[in-house]
Amino acid sequence: MMIKINAKESVEIVEGVFVNVINASGSKYHSWDEMTEVQQQCFSGLNREVQDVYKKYQSGMVE
């Protein structure tokens, strides 16, 4: 999932595989296996919460 945070920041999360944080300074790739458990939980939580918000408002979006 690609999450656009603002005009200058994005986070790409492929849970269980990698996270790529992209900002004005460049991009920082994080292998899932190399992250701490706390980092994994953080990115998993962000991924879940964005999906939940999307589902909540999806019916009102124009396709």
C-alpha atoms as a PDB file:
ATOM      1  CA  MET A   1       0.000   0.000   0.000  1.00  0.00           C
ATOM      2  CA  MET A   2       1.257   3.459  -0.902  1.00  0.00           C
ATOM      3  CA  ILE A   3       0.238   6.135   1.603  1.00  0.00           C
ATOM      4  CA  LYS A   4       0.658   9.772   0.591  1.00  0.00           C
ATOM      5  CA  ILE A   5       1.297  11.625   3.850  1.00  0.00           C
ATOM      6  CA  ASN A   6       1.569  15.122   2.342  1.00  0.00           C
ATOM      7  CA  ALA A   7       3.020  16.844  -0.733  1.00  0.00           C
ATOM      8  CA  LYS A   8       6.558  15.821   0.208  1.00  0.00           C
ATOM      9  CA  GLU A   9       6.197  12.473   1.997  1.00  0.00           C
ATOM     10  CA  SER A  10       4.933   9.003   1.133  1.00  0.00           C
ATOM     11  CA  VAL A  11       5.206   5.600   2.757  1.00  0.00           C
ATOM     12  CA  GLU A  12       5.024   2.374   0.783  1.00  0.00           C
ATOM     13  CA  ILE A  13       4.219  -0.658   2.935  1.00  0.00           C
ATOM     14  CA  VAL A  14       4.320  -4.250   1.748  1.00  0.00           C
ATOM     15  CA  GLU A  15       3.599  -5.926   5.056  1.00  0.00           C
ATOM     16  CA  GLY A  16       5.958  -8.772   5.827  1.00  0.00           C
ATOM     17  CA  VAL A  17       8.327  -7.715   3.021  1.00  0.00           C
ATOM     18  CA  PHE A  18       9.462  -4.069   3.153  1.00  0.00           C
ATOM     19  CA  VAL A  19       8.691  -0.430   3.935  1.00  0.00           C
ATOM     20  CA  ASN A  20       9.922   2.429   1.782  1.00  0.00           C
ATOM     21  CA  VAL A  21       9.782   5.929   3.283  1.00  0.00           C
ATOM     22  CA  ILE A  22       9.995   8.585   0.555  1.00  0.00           C
ATOM     23  CA  ASN A  23      10.534  12.272   1.291  1.00  0.00           C
ATOM     24  CA  ALA A  24      12.411  15.343   0.047  1.00  0.00           C
ATOM     25  CA  SER A  25      15.685  13.818   1.261  1.00  0.00           C
ATOM     26  CA  GLY A  26      15.212  10.716  -0.898  1.00  0.00           C
ATOM     27  CA  SER A  27      13.910   7.292  -0.047  1.00  0.00           C
ATOM     28  CA  LYS A  28      14.799   4.927   2.761  1.00  0.00           C
ATOM     29  CA  TYR A  29      14.153   1.223   2.205  1.00  0.00           C
ATOM     30  CA  HIS A  30      13.573  -0.943   5.285  1.00  0.00           C
ATOM     31  CA  SER A  31      13.541  -4.717   4.952  1.00  0.00           C
ATOM     32  CA  TRP A  32      10.817  -6.206   7.166  1.00  0.00           C
ATOM     33  CA  ASP A  33      13.239  -8.766   8.585  1.00  0.00           C
ATOM     34  CA  GLU A  34      15.708  -6.064   9.611  1.00  0.00           C
ATOM     35  CA  MET A  35      13.163  -3.901  11.470  1.00  0.00           C
ATOM     36  CA  THR A  36      12.537  -4.193  15.180  1.00  0.00           C
ATOM     37  CA  GLU A  37       9.274  -5.711  16.371  1.00  0.00           C
ATOM     38  CA  VAL A  38       8.116  -2.249  17.456  1.00  0.00           C
ATOM     39  CA  GLN A  39       8.756  -0.850  13.956  1.00  0.00           C
ATOM     40  CA  GLN A  40       6.897  -3.776  12.377  1.00  0.00           C
ATOM     41  CA  GLN A  41       3.927  -3.188  14.683  1.00  0.00           C
ATOM     42  CA  CYS A  42       3.969   0.536  13.891  1.00  0.00           C
ATOM     43  CA  PHE A  43       3.877   0.039  10.120  1.00  0.00           C
ATOM     44  CA  SER A  44       1.345  -2.806  10.371  1.00  0.00           C
ATOM     45  CA  GLY A  45      -0.894  -0.575  12.481  1.00  0.00           C
ATOM     46  CA  LEU A  46      -0.584   2.321  10.033  1.00  0.00           C
ATOM     47  CA  ASN A  47      -1.444  -0.009   7.173  1.00  0.00           C
ATOM     48  CA  ARG A  48      -4.539  -1.396   8.970  1.00  0.00           C
ATOM     49  CA  GLU A  49      -5.806   1.997  10.105  1.00  0.00           C
ATOM     50  CA  VAL A  50      -5.539   3.539   6.627  1.00  0.00           C
ATOM     51  CA  GLN A  51      -7.430   0.549   5.184  1.00  0.00           C
ATOM     52  CA  ASP A  52     -10.134   0.944   7.849  1.00  0.00           C
ATOM     53  CA  VAL A  53     -10.565   4.652   7.075  1.00  0.00           C
ATOM     54  CA  TYR A  54     -10.697   3.929   3.353  1.00  0.00           C
ATOM     55  CA  LYS A  55     -13.412   1.290   3.840  1.00  0.00           C
ATOM     56  CA  LYS A  56     -15.413   3.697   5.999  1.00  0.00           C
ATOM     57  CA  TYR A  57     -15.514   6.401   3.313  1.00  0.00           C
ATOM     58  CA  GLN A  58     -15.249   4.288   0.157  1.00  0.00           C
ATOM     59  CA  SER A  59     -18.990   4.233  -0.539  1.00  0.00           C
ATOM     60  CA  GLY A  60     -19.086   8.029  -0.749  1.00  0.00           C
ATOM     61  CA  MET A  61     -16.222   8.297  -3.239  1.00  0.00           C
ATOM     62  CA  VAL A  62     -16.916   8.855  -6.908  1.00  0.00           C
ATOM     63  CA  GLU A  63     -15.464   6.132  -9.096  1.00  0.00           C
END
